[in-house]
Amino acid sequence: MDETVKLYLDMAEESMTNSIHFLDEALAHIRAGKANVRILDGVRVDYYGAMSPLSSVATVTTPDAKTILIQPWEKSMLSVIEKAILDSSVGITPANNGESIRLCMPPVTEERRRALVKNANQAGEEAKIGVRTARRDAIDSLKKELKNGMPEDLEKDGENEVQKLHDRFISKIEAMLVEKEKEIMTV
């Protein structure tokens, strides 16, 4: 394989991988009624004047499928963490017992589950658009190289490789969406 073709393939693969990472992040923040510590990734707390991620001031665990347990390393942080969770978009009221904070996951209605699946599919579509854009950019670059003297068969082989890469990533996205839908719809 030609170095130029390999360069464009590598760039396309990196871009497609970024789309997968984006989707993984987006799906992790979709709450499906099961406790998942990643829904707290966006929560920042005021730790001695610096806004820090929750995970850097407390231990965050899931003792069971419906509960997230937050144990601050310093007791003085309990009220600060509680306020940060209330102010965030998590949408769960924390229960502070003086030692730790519990978040009990509310049951999800059928209507809400369908809305969550729709959100997951939207995120999936955005990831697919990212993959398709990477494919288009790589193919456009290969066509420019063709005009600059690259042999036609080399350019066609490069296009085929880009298409195979695209198909592999789209399949991966589809699998992630099927898995997330199954997780959301499981009562």
Protein backbone atom coordinates (compact mmCIF):
# COMPACT_ATOMS: atom_id res chain seq x y z
CA MET A 1 0.00 0.00 0.00
CA ASP A 2 1.24 3.45 -0.91
CA GLU A 3 2.36 5.77 1.91
CA THR A 4 -0.04 8.50 0.81
CA VAL A 5 -3.01 6.12 0.80
CA LYS A 6 -1.97 4.81 4.23
CA LEU A 7 -1.78 8.37 5.57
CA TYR A 8 -5.34 9.14 4.44
CA LEU A 9 -6.59 5.80 5.79
CA ASP A 10 -4.96 6.47 9.16
CA MET A 11 -6.48 9.96 9.31
CA ALA A 12 -9.93 8.58 8.45
CA GLU A 13 -9.59 5.80 11.04
CA GLU A 14 -8.58 8.28 13.74
CA SER A 15 -11.56 10.49 12.93
CA MET A 16 -13.93 7.49 12.93
CA THR A 17 -12.50 6.32 16.26
CA ASN A 18 -13.23 9.76 17.69
CA SER A 19 -16.85 9.37 16.57
CA ILE A 20 -17.04 6.06 18.45
CA HIS A 21 -15.59 7.70 21.58
CA PHE A 22 -18.14 10.51 21.29
CA LEU A 23 -20.97 7.98 21.05
CA ASP A 24 -19.62 5.96 23.98
CA GLU A 25 -19.57 9.12 26.13
CA ALA A 26 -23.06 10.16 25.03
CA LEU A 27 -24.54 6.71 25.72
CA ALA A 28 -22.88 6.55 29.13
CA HIS A 29 -24.76 9.67 30.20
CA ILE A 30 -28.15 8.29 29.18
CA ARG A 31 -29.71 7.02 32.37
CA ALA A 32 -31.53 3.72 31.90
CA GLY A 33 -32.80 3.15 35.43
CA LYS A 34 -29.65 1.24 36.33
CA ALA A 35 -27.07 2.87 38.57
CA ASN A 36 -24.06 4.01 36.55
CA VAL A 37 -21.37 6.20 38.11
CA ARG A 38 -20.67 7.82 34.71
CA ILE A 39 -23.86 9.91 34.98
CA LEU A 40 -21.90 11.94 37.56
CA ASP A 41 -18.96 12.65 35.20
CA GLY A 42 -20.19 16.18 34.55
CA VAL A 43 -20.64 17.08 38.24
CA ARG A 44 -18.01 19.55 39.49
CA VAL A 45 -17.57 20.50 43.15
CA ASP A 46 -15.88 23.50 44.73
CA TYR A 47 -12.81 21.98 46.40
CA TYR A 48 -10.90 24.74 48.18
CA GLY A 49 -11.64 27.25 45.44
CA ALA A 50 -11.04 24.95 42.46
CA MET A 51 -13.86 23.29 40.52
CA SER A 52 -12.95 19.62 40.62
CA PRO A 53 -14.62 16.47 39.25
CA LEU A 54 -16.64 14.59 41.86
CA SER A 55 -14.40 11.54 41.47
CA SER A 56 -11.38 13.55 42.69
CA VAL A 57 -12.96 14.38 46.09
CA ALA A 58 -14.95 11.22 46.83
CA THR A 59 -15.23 7.51 46.19
CA VAL A 60 -18.18 6.83 43.87
CA THR A 61 -19.52 3.26 43.77
CA THR A 62 -22.65 1.28 42.91
CA PRO A 63 -23.43 -1.06 45.83
CA ASP A 64 -26.48 -2.38 43.95
CA ALA A 65 -28.24 -1.91 40.60
CA LYS A 66 -30.42 0.98 41.81
CA THR A 67 -28.02 2.95 44.05
CA ILE A 68 -24.96 5.14 43.64
CA LEU A 69 -22.97 5.68 46.84
CA ILE A 70 -20.72 8.72 47.22
CA GLN A 71 -18.26 8.71 50.13
CA PRO A 72 -16.32 11.98 50.39
CA TRP A 73 -12.74 11.80 51.59
CA GLU A 74 -13.44 14.75 53.90
CA LYS A 75 -16.71 15.03 55.84
CA SER A 76 -16.77 18.78 55.23
CA MET A 77 -17.37 18.02 51.54
CA LEU A 78 -20.77 16.32 52.11
CA SER A 79 -22.87 19.46 51.79
CA VAL A 80 -20.75 20.80 48.91
CA ILE A 81 -21.19 17.54 46.97
CA GLU A 82 -24.91 17.43 47.76
CA LYS A 83 -25.37 20.99 46.46
CA ALA A 84 -23.33 20.24 43.31
CA ILE A 85 -25.55 17.24 42.53
CA LEU A 86 -28.72 19.23 43.11
CA ASP A 87 -27.43 22.03 40.83
CA SER A 88 -26.41 19.58 38.09
CA SER A 89 -28.54 18.06 35.33
CA VAL A 90 -28.44 14.58 36.93
CA GLY A 91 -32.05 14.96 38.05
CA ILE A 92 -31.83 12.78 41.17
CA THR A 93 -32.25 14.11 44.69
CA PRO A 94 -29.33 13.01 46.88
CA ALA A 95 -29.89 11.48 50.36
CA ASN A 96 -27.24 12.65 52.85
CA ASN A 97 -26.93 10.53 56.02
CA GLY A 98 -24.02 12.46 57.53
CA GLU A 99 -21.46 9.86 56.40
CA SER A 100 -22.18 9.43 52.72
CA ILE A 101 -24.58 10.45 49.97
CA ARG A 102 -26.87 7.98 48.24
CA LEU A 103 -28.54 8.47 44.89
CA CYS A 104 -31.44 6.08 44.36
CA MET A 105 -32.28 5.60 40.71
CA PRO A 106 -35.99 6.22 40.12
CA PRO A 107 -37.90 3.63 38.08
CA VAL A 108 -38.19 4.63 34.44
CA THR A 109 -41.62 4.71 32.77
CA GLU A 110 -42.23 3.07 29.39
CA GLU A 111 -42.66 6.52 27.80
CA ARG A 112 -39.36 7.73 29.29
CA ARG A 113 -37.60 4.57 28.07
CA ARG A 114 -38.78 5.26 24.53
CA ALA A 115 -37.51 8.85 24.81
CA LEU A 116 -34.14 7.57 26.05
CA VAL A 117 -33.90 5.15 23.11
CA LYS A 118 -34.66 8.08 20.80
CA ASN A 119 -31.85 10.11 22.44
CA ALA A 120 -29.46 7.17 22.05
CA ASN A 121 -30.39 6.82 18.38
CA GLN A 122 -29.83 10.57 17.85
CA ALA A 123 -26.35 10.27 19.35
CA GLY A 124 -25.78 7.24 17.13
CA GLU A 125 -26.82 9.20 14.05
CA GLU A 126 -24.38 11.99 14.95
CA ALA A 127 -21.60 9.41 15.28
CA LYS A 128 -22.55 7.90 11.90
CA ILE A 129 -22.40 11.38 10.34
CA GLY A 130 -18.88 11.75 11.78
CA VAL A 131 -17.85 8.42 10.24
CA ARG A 132 -19.39 9.31 6.87
CA THR A 133 -17.65 12.70 6.91
CA ALA A 134 -14.30 11.02 7.58
CA ARG A 135 -14.95 8.66 4.64
CA ARG A 136 -15.86 11.55 2.34
CA ASP A 137 -12.79 13.57 3.38
CA ALA A 138 -10.48 10.59 2.76
CA ILE A 139 -12.01 9.86 -0.65
CA ASP A 140 -11.83 13.54 -1.64
CA SER A 141 -8.15 13.60 -0.64
CA LEU A 142 -7.49 10.47 -2.69
CA LYS A 143 -9.22 12.04 -5.72
CA LYS A 144 -6.96 15.12 -5.36
CA GLU A 145 -3.93 12.82 -5.28
CA LEU A 146 -5.23 11.20 -8.49
CA LYS A 147 -5.16 14.64 -10.16
CA ASN A 148 -1.62 15.12 -8.81
CA GLY A 149 -0.39 11.96 -10.53
CA MET A 150 -1.35 9.04 -8.29
CA PRO A 151 -2.04 5.88 -10.34
CA GLU A 152 -5.78 5.27 -10.80
CA ASP A 153 -5.70 1.67 -9.55
CA LEU A 154 -3.94 2.81 -6.35
CA GLU A 155 -6.61 5.50 -5.82
CA LYS A 156 -9.43 2.96 -6.39
CA ASP A 157 -7.82 0.50 -3.95
CA GLY A 158 -7.57 3.33 -1.41
CA GLU A 159 -11.26 4.17 -1.90
CA ASN A 160 -12.18 0.51 -1.34
CA GLU A 161 -10.12 0.40 1.86
CA VAL A 162 -11.79 3.60 3.12
CA GLN A 163 -15.21 2.06 2.38
CA LYS A 164 -14.29 -1.12 4.31
CA LEU A 165 -13.17 1.04 7.23
CA HIS A 166 -16.44 2.99 7.05
CA ASP A 167 -18.53 -0.21 7.02
CA ARG A 168 -16.65 -1.61 10.03
CA PHE A 169 -17.22 1.54 12.10
CA ILE A 170 -20.90 1.84 11.11
CA SER A 171 -21.38 -1.80 12.22
CA LYS A 172 -19.70 -1.01 15.53
CA ILE A 173 -22.04 1.97 16.05
CA GLU A 174 -25.08 -0.18 15.22
CA ALA A 175 -23.95 -2.79 17.75
CA MET A 176 -23.48 -0.13 20.44
CA LEU A 177 -26.99 1.22 19.79
CA VAL A 178 -28.59 -2.25 19.90
CA GLU A 179 -26.81 -2.92 23.22
CA LYS A 180 -27.91 0.43 24.70
CA GLU A 181 -31.51 -0.04 23.52
CA LYS A 182 -31.58 -3.48 25.13
CA GLU A 183 -30.23 -1.97 28.38
CA ILE A 184 -32.79 0.86 28.33
CA MET A 185 -35.81 -1.31 27.52
CA THR A 186 -34.96 -4.00 30.12
CA VAL A 187 -37.19 -3.41 33.10
